[in-house]
Amino acid sequence: MIKVYGIKNCDSVKKALSFFKKHNIQYDLFDFKTEELPCQKITSWLQKVDINKLFNARSTTYRNLKLKEMNLNDEQKAEWLCRENLLIKRPVIEFADEVIVGYNEQEYITKFNI
């Protein structure tokens, strides 16, 4: 089964969930607002995707924490992802030992053989 990580009220997550419903693809949603994501999960994602793809430097959380001024390196970004799950670009999709970050309909069509 596909695992979707994000928050319910995020537009990109809504689009991804709508895509899966439309194509009758079952999924399980992990909501960052109600569940705490273990750091080991983030570490495993970072073995499959680039830190700059996973780390959302355009988020409200990023701006509120004033992280731009800190000029973070990749290791520090990973530490912040573990501390503050809302810095993770959404959605993160896990399936068949792959990790997809963000919503891209064309990529989904290709990856899910639609």
PDB file of N, CA and C in Angstrom:
ATOM      1  N   MET A   1       0.840  -1.191   0.000  1.00  0.00           N
ATOM      2  CA  MET A   1       0.000   0.000   0.000  1.00  0.00           C
ATOM      3  C   MET A   1       0.881   1.249   0.000  1.00  0.00           C
ATOM      4  N   ILE A   2       0.376   2.294  -0.600  1.00  0.00           N
ATOM      5  CA  ILE A   2       1.072   3.573  -0.663  1.00  0.00           C
ATOM      6  C   ILE A   2       0.911   4.290   0.671  1.00  0.00           C
ATOM      7  N   LYS A   3       1.981   4.889   1.131  1.00  0.00           N
ATOM      8  CA  LYS A   3       1.935   5.679   2.361  1.00  0.00           C
ATOM      9  C   LYS A   3       2.167   7.137   1.971  1.00  0.00           C
ATOM     10  N   VAL A   4       1.244   8.007   2.382  1.00  0.00           N
ATOM     11  CA  VAL A   4       1.328   9.431   2.089  1.00  0.00           C
ATOM     12  C   VAL A   4       1.630  10.159   3.397  1.00  0.00           C
ATOM     13  N   TYR A   5       2.667  10.981   3.384  1.00  0.00           N
ATOM     14  CA  TYR A   5       3.052  11.762   4.561  1.00  0.00           C
ATOM     15  C   TYR A   5       2.776  13.231   4.263  1.00  0.00           C
ATOM     16  N   GLY A   6       2.105  13.910   5.176  1.00  0.00           N
ATOM     17  CA  GLY A   6       1.818  15.320   4.989  1.00  0.00           C
ATOM     18  C   GLY A   6       0.827  15.807   6.019  1.00  0.00           C
ATOM     19  N   ILE A   7       0.113  16.871   5.669  1.00  0.00           N
ATOM     20  CA  ILE A   7      -0.956  17.372   6.533  1.00  0.00           C
ATOM     21  C   ILE A   7      -2.213  17.533   5.678  1.00  0.00           C
ATOM     22  N   LYS A   8      -3.356  17.241   6.276  1.00  0.00           N
ATOM     23  CA  LYS A   8      -4.624  17.178   5.543  1.00  0.00           C
ATOM     24  C   LYS A   8      -4.993  18.483   4.844  1.00  0.00           C
ATOM     25  N   ASN A   9      -4.651  19.627   5.441  1.00  0.00           N
ATOM     26  CA  ASN A   9      -5.091  20.891   4.860  1.00  0.00           C
ATOM     27  C   ASN A   9      -4.083  21.496   3.884  1.00  0.00           C
ATOM     28  N   CYS A  10      -3.025  20.775   3.551  1.00  0.00           N
ATOM     29  CA  CYS A  10      -2.026  21.238   2.580  1.00  0.00           C
ATOM     30  C   CYS A  10      -2.572  21.017   1.167  1.00  0.00           C
ATOM     31  N   ASP A  11      -2.510  22.038   0.324  1.00  0.00           N
ATOM     32  CA  ASP A  11      -3.043  21.934  -1.040  1.00  0.00           C
ATOM     33  C   ASP A  11      -2.385  20.818  -1.839  1.00  0.00           C
ATOM     34  N   SER A  12      -1.072  20.664  -1.733  1.00  0.00           N
ATOM     35  CA  SER A  12      -0.372  19.613  -2.486  1.00  0.00           C
ATOM     36  C   SER A  12      -0.785  18.225  -2.010  1.00  0.00           C
ATOM     37  N   VAL A  13      -0.973  18.072  -0.718  1.00  0.00           N
ATOM     38  CA  VAL A  13      -1.428  16.790  -0.169  1.00  0.00           C
ATOM     39  C   VAL A  13      -2.848  16.513  -0.647  1.00  0.00           C
ATOM     40  N   LYS A  14      -3.700  17.533  -0.629  1.00  0.00           N
ATOM     41  CA  LYS A  14      -5.080  17.371  -1.113  1.00  0.00           C
ATOM     42  C   LYS A  14      -5.090  16.902  -2.567  1.00  0.00           C
ATOM     43  N   LYS A  15      -4.231  17.493  -3.392  1.00  0.00           N
ATOM     44  CA  LYS A  15      -4.153  17.105  -4.811  1.00  0.00           C
ATOM     45  C   LYS A  15      -3.706  15.649  -4.950  1.00  0.00           C
ATOM     46  N   ALA A  16      -2.714  15.257  -4.159  1.00  0.00           N
ATOM     47  CA  ALA A  16      -2.218  13.874  -4.219  1.00  0.00           C
ATOM     48  C   ALA A  16      -3.306  12.893  -3.793  1.00  0.00           C
ATOM     49  N   LEU A  17      -3.985  13.190  -2.704  1.00  0.00           N
ATOM     50  CA  LEU A  17      -5.047  12.299  -2.221  1.00  0.00           C
ATOM     51  C   LEU A  17      -6.187  12.217  -3.229  1.00  0.00           C
ATOM     52  N   SER A  18      -6.513  13.337  -3.839  1.00  0.00           N
ATOM     53  CA  SER A  18      -7.551  13.358  -4.864  1.00  0.00           C
ATOM     54  C   SER A  18      -7.137  12.502  -6.066  1.00  0.00           C
ATOM     55  N   PHE A  19      -5.876  12.598  -6.448  1.00  0.00           N
ATOM     56  CA  PHE A  19      -5.351  11.778  -7.550  1.00  0.00           C
ATOM     57  C   PHE A  19      -5.505  10.300  -7.229  1.00  0.00           C
ATOM     58  N   PHE A  20      -5.115   9.900  -6.026  1.00  0.00           N
ATOM     59  CA  PHE A  20      -5.201   8.488  -5.643  1.00  0.00           C
ATOM     60  C   PHE A  20      -6.653   8.013  -5.601  1.00  0.00           C
ATOM     61  N   LYS A  21      -7.551   8.845  -5.071  1.00  0.00           N
ATOM     62  CA  LYS A  21      -8.971   8.477  -5.031  1.00  0.00           C
ATOM     63  C   LYS A  21      -9.523   8.327  -6.440  1.00  0.00           C
ATOM     64  N   LYS A  22      -9.211   9.286  -7.300  1.00  0.00           N
ATOM     65  CA  LYS A  22      -9.698   9.273  -8.681  1.00  0.00           C
ATOM     66  C   LYS A  22      -9.278   8.000  -9.426  1.00  0.00           C
ATOM     67  N   HIS A  23      -8.070   7.510  -9.113  1.00  0.00           N
ATOM     68  CA  HIS A  23      -7.531   6.338  -9.807  1.00  0.00           C
ATOM     69  C   HIS A  23      -7.655   5.056  -8.974  1.00  0.00           C
ATOM     70  N   ASN A  24      -8.498   5.115  -7.944  1.00  0.00           N
ATOM     71  CA  ASN A  24      -8.757   3.944  -7.091  1.00  0.00           C
ATOM     72  C   ASN A  24      -7.477   3.301  -6.558  1.00  0.00           C
ATOM     73  N   ILE A  25      -6.565   4.143  -6.102  1.00  0.00           N
ATOM     74  CA  ILE A  25      -5.314   3.664  -5.512  1.00  0.00           C
ATOM     75  C   ILE A  25      -5.437   3.824  -4.003  1.00  0.00           C
ATOM     76  N   GLN A  26      -5.301   2.718  -3.287  1.00  0.00           N
ATOM     77  CA  GLN A  26      -5.416   2.770  -1.826  1.00  0.00           C
ATOM     78  C   GLN A  26      -4.154   3.394  -1.232  1.00  0.00           C
ATOM     79  N   TYR A  27      -4.364   4.152  -0.173  1.00  0.00           N
ATOM     80  CA  TYR A  27      -3.242   4.809   0.504  1.00  0.00           C
ATOM     81  C   TYR A  27      -3.535   4.894   1.994  1.00  0.00           C
ATOM     82  N   ASP A  28      -2.485   5.149   2.736  1.00  0.00           N
ATOM     83  CA  ASP A  28      -2.588   5.384   4.167  1.00  0.00           C
ATOM     84  C   ASP A  28      -1.953   6.751   4.414  1.00  0.00           C
ATOM     85  N   LEU A  29      -2.643   7.642   5.124  1.00  0.00           N
ATOM     86  CA  LEU A  29      -2.131   8.994   5.384  1.00  0.00           C
ATOM     87  C   LEU A  29      -1.507   9.083   6.765  1.00  0.00           C
ATOM     88  N   PHE A  30      -0.266   9.566   6.790  1.00  0.00           N
ATOM     89  CA  PHE A  30       0.426   9.880   8.036  1.00  0.00           C
ATOM     90  C   PHE A  30       0.395  11.396   8.154  1.00  0.00           C
ATOM     91  N   ASP A  31      -0.326  11.918   9.163  1.00  0.00           N
ATOM     92  CA  ASP A  31      -0.502  13.357   9.320  1.00  0.00           C
ATOM     93  C   ASP A  31       0.526  13.922  10.304  1.00  0.00           C
ATOM     94  N   PHE A  32       1.376  14.830   9.802  1.00  0.00           N
ATOM     95  CA  PHE A  32       2.416  15.444  10.634  1.00  0.00           C
ATOM     96  C   PHE A  32       1.837  16.221  11.813  1.00  0.00           C
ATOM     97  N   LYS A  33       0.590  16.666  11.700  1.00  0.00           N
ATOM     98  CA  LYS A  33      -0.005  17.454  12.780  1.00  0.00           C
ATOM     99  C   LYS A  33      -0.477  16.580  13.938  1.00  0.00           C
ATOM    100  N   THR A  34      -0.758  15.297  13.658  1.00  0.00           N
ATOM    101  CA  THR A  34      -1.292  14.433  14.714  1.00  0.00           C
ATOM    102  C   THR A  34      -0.322  13.328  15.125  1.00  0.00           C
ATOM    103  N   GLU A  35       0.712  13.090  14.314  1.00  0.00           N
ATOM    104  CA  GLU A  35       1.679  12.038  14.619  1.00  0.00           C
ATOM    105  C   GLU A  35       3.089  12.592  14.487  1.00  0.00           C
ATOM    106  N   GLU A  36       3.984  12.098  15.323  1.00  0.00           N
ATOM    107  CA  GLU A  36       5.379  12.531  15.247  1.00  0.00           C
ATOM    108  C   GLU A  36       6.171  11.544  14.396  1.00  0.00           C
ATOM    109  N   LEU A  37       6.845  12.078  13.398  1.00  0.00           N
ATOM    110  CA  LEU A  37       7.622  11.259  12.477  1.00  0.00           C
ATOM    111  C   LEU A  37       8.986  10.953  13.089  1.00  0.00           C
ATOM    112  N   PRO A  38       9.360   9.675  13.186  1.00  0.00           N
ATOM    113  CA  PRO A  38      10.671   9.341  13.745  1.00  0.00           C
ATOM    114  C   PRO A  38      11.804   9.824  12.832  1.00  0.00           C
ATOM    115  N   CYS A  39      12.872  10.267  13.428  1.00  0.00           N
ATOM    116  CA  CYS A  39      14.029  10.762  12.680  1.00  0.00           C
ATOM    117  C   CYS A  39      14.595   9.680  11.751  1.00  0.00           C
ATOM    118  N   GLN A  40      14.483   8.418  12.143  1.00  0.00           N
ATOM    119  CA  GLN A  40      14.988   7.317  11.311  1.00  0.00           C
ATOM    120  C   GLN A  40      14.290   7.299   9.953  1.00  0.00           C
ATOM    121  N   LYS A  41      13.015   7.675   9.919  1.00  0.00           N
ATOM    122  CA  LYS A  41      12.263   7.708   8.666  1.00  0.00           C
ATOM    123  C   LYS A  41      12.855   8.781   7.747  1.00  0.00           C
ATOM    124  N   ILE A  42      13.120   9.946   8.293  1.00  0.00           N
ATOM    125  CA  ILE A  42      13.713  11.038   7.512  1.00  0.00           C
ATOM    126  C   ILE A  42      15.087  10.621   6.994  1.00  0.00           C
ATOM    127  N   THR A  43      15.867   9.990   7.843  1.00  0.00           N
ATOM    128  CA  THR A  43      17.195   9.500   7.442  1.00  0.00           C
ATOM    129  C   THR A  43      17.079   8.517   6.284  1.00  0.00           C
ATOM    130  N   SER A  44      16.097   7.622   6.331  1.00  0.00           N
ATOM    131  CA  SER A  44      15.919   6.655   5.242  1.00  0.00           C
ATOM    132  C   SER A  44      15.498   7.357   3.948  1.00  0.00           C
ATOM    133  N   TRP A  45      14.657   8.395   4.053  1.00  0.00           N
ATOM    134  CA  TRP A  45      14.267   9.154   2.860  1.00  0.00           C
ATOM    135  C   TRP A  45      15.485   9.832   2.237  1.00  0.00           C
ATOM    136  N   LEU A  46      16.351  10.358   3.087  1.00  0.00           N
ATOM    137  CA  LEU A  46      17.521  11.094   2.590  1.00  0.00           C
ATOM    138  C   LEU A  46      18.522  10.190   1.877  1.00  0.00           C
ATOM    139  N   GLN A  47      18.379   8.896   2.025  1.00  0.00           N
ATOM    140  CA  GLN A  47      19.207   7.961   1.255  1.00  0.00           C
ATOM    141  C   GLN A  47      18.659   7.806  -0.165  1.00  0.00           C
ATOM    142  N   LYS A  48      17.426   8.278  -0.384  1.00  0.00           N
ATOM    143  CA  LYS A  48      16.772   8.111  -1.688  1.00  0.00           C
ATOM    144  C   LYS A  48      16.497   9.430  -2.406  1.00  0.00           C
ATOM    145  N   VAL A  49      16.395  10.524  -1.650  1.00  0.00           N
ATOM    146  CA  VAL A  49      16.142  11.836  -2.254  1.00  0.00           C
ATOM    147  C   VAL A  49      17.107  12.876  -1.693  1.00  0.00           C
ATOM    148  N   ASP A  50      17.369  13.891  -2.464  1.00  0.00           N
ATOM    149  CA  ASP A  50      18.273  14.968  -2.067  1.00  0.00           C
ATOM    150  C   ASP A  50      17.662  15.810  -0.941  1.00  0.00           C
ATOM    151  N   ILE A  51      18.494  16.243  -0.022  1.00  0.00           N
ATOM    152  CA  ILE A  51      18.041  17.052   1.112  1.00  0.00           C
ATOM    153  C   ILE A  51      17.310  18.305   0.646  1.00  0.00           C
ATOM    154  N   ASN A  52      17.777  18.903  -0.439  1.00  0.00           N
ATOM    155  CA  ASN A  52      17.166  20.148  -0.908  1.00  0.00           C
ATOM    156  C   ASN A  52      15.793  19.924  -1.540  1.00  0.00           C
ATOM    157  N   LYS A  53      15.499  18.705  -1.915  1.00  0.00           N
ATOM    158  CA  LYS A  53      14.162  18.379  -2.418  1.00  0.00           C
ATOM    159  C   LYS A  53      13.206  18.138  -1.242  1.00  0.00           C
ATOM    160  N   LEU A  54      13.717  17.554  -0.173  1.00  0.00           N
ATOM    161  CA  LEU A  54      12.896  17.226   0.992  1.00  0.00           C
ATOM    162  C   LEU A  54      12.690  18.424   1.923  1.00  0.00           C
ATOM    163  N   PHE A  55      13.690  19.290   2.010  1.00  0.00           N
ATOM    164  CA  PHE A  55      13.667  20.433   2.924  1.00  0.00           C
ATOM    165  C   PHE A  55      12.928  21.591   2.256  1.00  0.00           C
ATOM    166  N   ASN A  56      11.823  22.019   2.856  1.00  0.00           N
ATOM    167  CA  ASN A  56      10.996  23.062   2.261  1.00  0.00           C
ATOM    168  C   ASN A  56      11.413  24.449   2.743  1.00  0.00           C
ATOM    169  N   ALA A  57      12.290  25.071   1.970  1.00  0.00           N
ATOM    170  CA  ALA A  57      12.786  26.407   2.319  1.00  0.00           C
ATOM    171  C   ALA A  57      11.779  27.504   1.952  1.00  0.00           C
ATOM    172  N   ARG A  58      10.615  27.125   1.430  1.00  0.00           N
ATOM    173  CA  ARG A  58       9.588  28.109   1.088  1.00  0.00           C
ATOM    174  C   ARG A  58       8.424  28.070   2.068  1.00  0.00           C
ATOM    175  N   SER A  59       8.526  27.255   3.100  1.00  0.00           N
ATOM    176  CA  SER A  59       7.405  27.087   4.032  1.00  0.00           C
ATOM    177  C   SER A  59       7.300  28.237   5.032  1.00  0.00           C
ATOM    178  N   THR A  60       6.105  28.377   5.572  1.00  0.00           N
ATOM    179  CA  THR A  60       5.865  29.356   6.632  1.00  0.00           C
ATOM    180  C   THR A  60       6.723  29.026   7.848  1.00  0.00           C
ATOM    181  N   THR A  61       6.842  27.748   8.154  1.00  0.00           N
ATOM    182  CA  THR A  61       7.657  27.317   9.300  1.00  0.00           C
ATOM    183  C   THR A  61       9.098  27.771   9.123  1.00  0.00           C
ATOM    184  N   TYR A  62       9.643  27.606   7.927  1.00  0.00           N
ATOM    185  CA  TYR A  62      11.014  28.037   7.620  1.00  0.00           C
ATOM    186  C   TYR A  62      11.172  29.538   7.880  1.00  0.00           C
ATOM    187  N   ARG A  63      10.222  30.317   7.414  1.00  0.00           N
ATOM    188  CA  ARG A  63      10.286  31.773   7.609  1.00  0.00           C
ATOM    189  C   ARG A  63      10.126  32.139   9.081  1.00  0.00           C
ATOM    190  N   ASN A  64       9.163  31.496   9.760  1.00  0.00           N
ATOM    191  CA  ASN A  64       8.916  31.819  11.166  1.00  0.00           C
ATOM    192  C   ASN A  64      10.105  31.492  12.064  1.00  0.00           C
ATOM    193  N   LEU A  65      10.820  30.425  11.721  1.00  0.00           N
ATOM    194  CA  LEU A  65      11.992  30.037  12.513  1.00  0.00           C
ATOM    195  C   LEU A  65      13.245  30.821  12.120  1.00  0.00           C
ATOM    196  N   LYS A  66      13.116  31.656  11.094  1.00  0.00           N
ATOM    197  CA  LYS A  66      14.227  32.488  10.597  1.00  0.00           C
ATOM    198  C   LYS A  66      15.457  31.649  10.232  1.00  0.00           C
ATOM    199  N   LEU A  67      15.189  30.515   9.568  1.00  0.00           N
ATOM    200  CA  LEU A  67      16.278  29.595   9.226  1.00  0.00           C
ATOM    201  C   LEU A  67      17.152  30.109   8.083  1.00  0.00           C
ATOM    202  N   LYS A  68      16.613  30.995   7.268  1.00  0.00           N
ATOM    203  CA  LYS A  68      17.412  31.534   6.159  1.00  0.00           C
ATOM    204  C   LYS A  68      18.655  32.248   6.690  1.00  0.00           C
ATOM    205  N   GLU A  69      18.476  32.978   7.765  1.00  0.00           N
ATOM    206  CA  GLU A  69      19.598  33.726   8.355  1.00  0.00           C
ATOM    207  C   GLU A  69      20.685  32.795   8.901  1.00  0.00           C
ATOM    208  N   MET A  70      20.328  31.559   9.197  1.00  0.00           N
ATOM    209  CA  MET A  70      21.292  30.609   9.772  1.00  0.00           C
ATOM    210  C   MET A  70      22.195  29.972   8.721  1.00  0.00           C
ATOM    211  N   ASN A  71      21.832  30.123   7.442  1.00  0.00           N
ATOM    212  CA  ASN A  71      22.652  29.568   6.351  1.00  0.00           C
ATOM    213  C   ASN A  71      23.039  28.110   6.627  1.00  0.00           C
ATOM    214  N   LEU A  72      22.038  27.263   6.748  1.00  0.00           N
ATOM    215  CA  LEU A  72      22.209  25.866   7.163  1.00  0.00           C
ATOM    216  C   LEU A  72      22.924  25.022   6.109  1.00  0.00           C
ATOM    217  N   ASN A  73      23.798  24.129   6.597  1.00  0.00           N
ATOM    218  CA  ASN A  73      24.388  23.129   5.703  1.00  0.00           C
ATOM    219  C   ASN A  73      23.450  21.917   5.671  1.00  0.00           C
ATOM    220  N   ASP A  74      23.773  20.914   4.854  1.00  0.00           N
ATOM    221  CA  ASP A  74      22.883  19.764   4.688  1.00  0.00           C
ATOM    222  C   ASP A  74      22.649  19.005   5.989  1.00  0.00           C
ATOM    223  N   GLU A  75      23.690  18.858   6.784  1.00  0.00           N
ATOM    224  CA  GLU A  75      23.549  18.144   8.063  1.00  0.00           C
ATOM    225  C   GLU A  75      22.613  18.897   8.997  1.00  0.00           C
ATOM    226  N   GLN A  76      22.746  20.203   9.040  1.00  0.00           N
ATOM    227  CA  GLN A  76      21.869  21.015   9.889  1.00  0.00           C
ATOM    228  C   GLN A  76      20.428  20.978   9.387  1.00  0.00           C
ATOM    229  N   LYS A  77      20.245  20.976   8.062  1.00  0.00           N
ATOM    230  CA  LYS A  77      18.892  20.865   7.505  1.00  0.00           C
ATOM    231  C   LYS A  77      18.251  19.550   7.941  1.00  0.00           C
ATOM    232  N   ALA A  78      19.011  18.464   7.883  1.00  0.00           N
ATOM    233  CA  ALA A  78      18.492  17.158   8.294  1.00  0.00           C
ATOM    234  C   ALA A  78      18.090  17.185   9.772  1.00  0.00           C
ATOM    235  N   GLU A  79      18.897  17.833  10.611  1.00  0.00           N
ATOM    236  CA  GLU A  79      18.573  17.949  12.033  1.00  0.00           C
ATOM    237  C   GLU A  79      17.268  18.719  12.229  1.00  0.00           C
ATOM    238  N   TRP A  80      17.093  19.798  11.472  1.00  0.00           N
ATOM    239  CA  TRP A  80      15.866  20.586  11.569  1.00  0.00           C
ATOM    240  C   TRP A  80      14.650  19.792  11.089  1.00  0.00           C
ATOM    241  N   LEU A  81      14.824  18.974  10.045  1.00  0.00           N
ATOM    242  CA  LEU A  81      13.705  18.143   9.581  1.00  0.00           C
ATOM    243  C   LEU A  81      13.243  17.205  10.687  1.00  0.00           C
ATOM    244  N   CYS A  82      14.187  16.675  11.442  1.00  0.00           N
ATOM    245  CA  CYS A  82      13.843  15.787  12.553  1.00  0.00           C
ATOM    246  C   CYS A  82      13.140  16.544  13.679  1.00  0.00           C
ATOM    247  N   ARG A  83      13.563  17.765  13.931  1.00  0.00           N
ATOM    248  CA  ARG A  83      12.986  18.574  14.997  1.00  0.00           C
ATOM    249  C   ARG A  83      11.616  19.138  14.633  1.00  0.00           C
ATOM    250  N   GLU A  84      11.482  19.521  13.371  1.00  0.00           N
ATOM    251  CA  GLU A  84      10.285  20.238  12.933  1.00  0.00           C
ATOM    252  C   GLU A  84       9.763  19.624  11.638  1.00  0.00           C
ATOM    253  N   ASN A  85       8.850  18.658  11.776  1.00  0.00           N
ATOM    254  CA  ASN A  85       8.343  17.925  10.614  1.00  0.00           C
ATOM    255  C   ASN A  85       7.649  18.812   9.575  1.00  0.00           C
ATOM    256  N   LEU A  86       7.177  19.971   9.982  1.00  0.00           N
ATOM    257  CA  LEU A  86       6.499  20.849   9.025  1.00  0.00           C
ATOM    258  C   LEU A  86       7.476  21.515   8.056  1.00  0.00           C
ATOM    259  N   LEU A  87       8.757  21.278   8.219  1.00  0.00           N
ATOM    260  CA  LEU A  87       9.759  21.742   7.251  1.00  0.00           C
ATOM    261  C   LEU A  87       9.901  20.773   6.075  1.00  0.00           C
ATOM    262  N   ILE A  88       9.253  19.621   6.170  1.00  0.00           N
ATOM    263  CA  ILE A  88       9.330  18.615   5.115  1.00  0.00           C
ATOM    264  C   ILE A  88       8.397  19.034   3.980  1.00  0.00           C
ATOM    265  N   LYS A  89       8.932  19.045   2.760  1.00  0.00           N
ATOM    266  CA  LYS A  89       8.095  19.351   1.600  1.00  0.00           C
ATOM    267  C   LYS A  89       7.051  18.247   1.460  1.00  0.00           C
ATOM    268  N   ARG A  90       5.816  18.664   1.166  1.00  0.00           N
ATOM    269  CA  ARG A  90       4.710  17.724   1.141  1.00  0.00           C
ATOM    270  C   ARG A  90       4.105  17.613  -0.249  1.00  0.00           C
ATOM    271  N   PRO A  91       3.464  16.471  -0.482  1.00  0.00           N
ATOM    272  CA  PRO A  91       3.500  15.242   0.302  1.00  0.00           C
ATOM    273  C   PRO A  91       4.772  14.450   0.027  1.00  0.00           C
ATOM    274  N   VAL A  92       5.052  13.524   0.923  1.00  0.00           N
ATOM    275  CA  VAL A  92       6.084  12.515   0.681  1.00  0.00           C
ATOM    276  C   VAL A  92       5.320  11.208   0.478  1.00  0.00           C
ATOM    277  N   ILE A  93       5.600  10.552  -0.637  1.00  0.00           N
ATOM    278  CA  ILE A  93       4.912   9.314  -0.983  1.00  0.00           C
ATOM    279  C   ILE A  93       5.918   8.171  -0.943  1.00  0.00           C
ATOM    280  N   GLU A  94       5.587   7.131  -0.188  1.00  0.00           N
ATOM    281  CA  GLU A  94       6.403   5.916  -0.151  1.00  0.00           C
ATOM    282  C   GLU A  94       5.644   4.793  -0.836  1.00  0.00           C
ATOM    283  N   PHE A  95       6.306   4.122  -1.768  1.00  0.00           N
ATOM    284  CA  PHE A  95       5.725   2.927  -2.367  1.00  0.00           C
ATOM    285  C   PHE A  95       6.811   2.169  -3.107  1.00  0.00           C
ATOM    286  N   ALA A  96       6.702   0.850  -3.070  1.00  0.00           N
ATOM    287  CA  ALA A  96       7.635  -0.021  -3.796  1.00  0.00           C
ATOM    288  C   ALA A  96       9.091   0.402  -3.598  1.00  0.00           C
ATOM    289  N   ASP A  97       9.471   0.684  -2.371  1.00  0.00           N
ATOM    290  CA  ASP A  97      10.831   1.066  -2.023  1.00  0.00           C
ATOM    291  C   ASP A  97      11.288   2.366  -2.697  1.00  0.00           C
ATOM    292  N   GLU A  98      10.329   3.204  -3.086  1.00  0.00           N
ATOM    293  CA  GLU A  98      10.638   4.507  -3.674  1.00  0.00           C
ATOM    294  C   GLU A  98      10.084   5.610  -2.794  1.00  0.00           C
ATOM    295  N   VAL A  99      10.644   6.807  -2.970  1.00  0.00           N
ATOM    296  CA  VAL A  99      10.165   7.986  -2.261  1.00  0.00           C
ATOM    297  C   VAL A  99       9.959   9.093  -3.300  1.00  0.00           C
ATOM    298  N   ILE A 100       8.746   9.644  -3.323  1.00  0.00           N
ATOM    299  CA  ILE A 100       8.424  10.757  -4.215  1.00  0.00           C
ATOM    300  C   ILE A 100       8.092  11.948  -3.328  1.00  0.00           C
ATOM    301  N   VAL A 101       8.679  13.100  -3.637  1.00  0.00           N
ATOM    302  CA  VAL A 101       8.445  14.300  -2.834  1.00  0.00           C
ATOM    303  C   VAL A 101       7.691  15.327  -3.679  1.00  0.00           C
ATOM    304  N   GLY A 102       6.602  15.854  -3.113  1.00  0.00           N
ATOM    305  CA  GLY A 102       5.812  16.864  -3.802  1.00  0.00           C
ATOM    306  C   GLY A 102       4.749  16.242  -4.688  1.00  0.00           C
ATOM    307  N   TYR A 103       3.904  17.108  -5.225  1.00  0.00           N
ATOM    308  CA  TYR A 103       2.850  16.631  -6.123  1.00  0.00           C
ATOM    309  C   TYR A 103       3.185  17.030  -7.550  1.00  0.00           C
ATOM    310  N   ASN A 104       3.249  16.031  -8.427  1.00  0.00           N
ATOM    311  CA  ASN A 104       3.458  16.257  -9.846  1.00  0.00           C
ATOM    312  C   ASN A 104       2.633  15.200 -10.574  1.00  0.00           C
ATOM    313  N   GLU A 105       1.529  15.630 -11.175  1.00  0.00           N
ATOM    314  CA  GLU A 105       0.590  14.682 -11.770  1.00  0.00           C
ATOM    315  C   GLU A 105       1.257  13.794 -12.817  1.00  0.00           C
ATOM    316  N   GLN A 106       2.096  14.366 -13.675  1.00  0.00           N
ATOM    317  CA  GLN A 106       2.761  13.572 -14.721  1.00  0.00           C
ATOM    318  C   GLN A 106       3.658  12.500 -14.105  1.00  0.00           C
ATOM    319  N   GLU A 107       4.390  12.875 -13.069  1.00  0.00           N
ATOM    320  CA  GLU A 107       5.252  11.903 -12.391  1.00  0.00           C
ATOM    321  C   GLU A 107       4.405  10.789 -11.772  1.00  0.00           C
ATOM    322  N   TYR A 108       3.286  11.143 -11.171  1.00  0.00           N
ATOM    323  CA  TYR A 108       2.402  10.143 -10.566  1.00  0.00           C
ATOM    324  C   TYR A 108       1.861   9.194 -11.624  1.00  0.00           C
ATOM    325  N   ILE A 109       1.433   9.742 -12.759  1.00  0.00           N
ATOM    326  CA  ILE A 109       0.901   8.910 -13.845  1.00  0.00           C
ATOM    327  C   ILE A 109       1.951   7.893 -14.285  1.00  0.00           C
ATOM    328  N   THR A 110       3.188   8.348 -14.421  1.00  0.00           N
ATOM    329  CA  THR A 110       4.283   7.450 -14.822  1.00  0.00           C
ATOM    330  C   THR A 110       4.581   6.423 -13.744  1.00  0.00           C
ATOM    331  N   LYS A 111       4.769   6.889 -12.523  1.00  0.00           N
ATOM    332  CA  LYS A 111       5.159   6.001 -11.412  1.00  0.00           C
ATOM    333  C   LYS A 111       4.091   4.958 -11.077  1.00  0.00           C
ATOM    334  N   PHE A 112       2.820   5.352 -11.199  1.00  0.00           N
ATOM    335  CA  PHE A 112       1.736   4.446 -10.810  1.00  0.00           C
ATOM    336  C   PHE A 112       1.081   3.771 -12.012  1.00  0.00           C
ATOM    337  N   ASN A 113       1.755   3.846 -13.165  1.00  0.00           N
ATOM    338  CA  ASN A 113       1.310   3.139 -14.393  1.00  0.00           C
ATOM    339  C   ASN A 113      -0.150   3.414 -14.749  1.00  0.00           C
ATOM    340  N   ILE A 114      -0.489   4.673 -14.860  1.00  0.00           N
ATOM    341  CA  ILE A 114      -1.877   5.051 -15.181  1.00  0.00           C
ATOM    342  C   ILE A 114      -1.965   5.503 -16.631  1.00  0.00           C
TER     343      ILE A 114
END
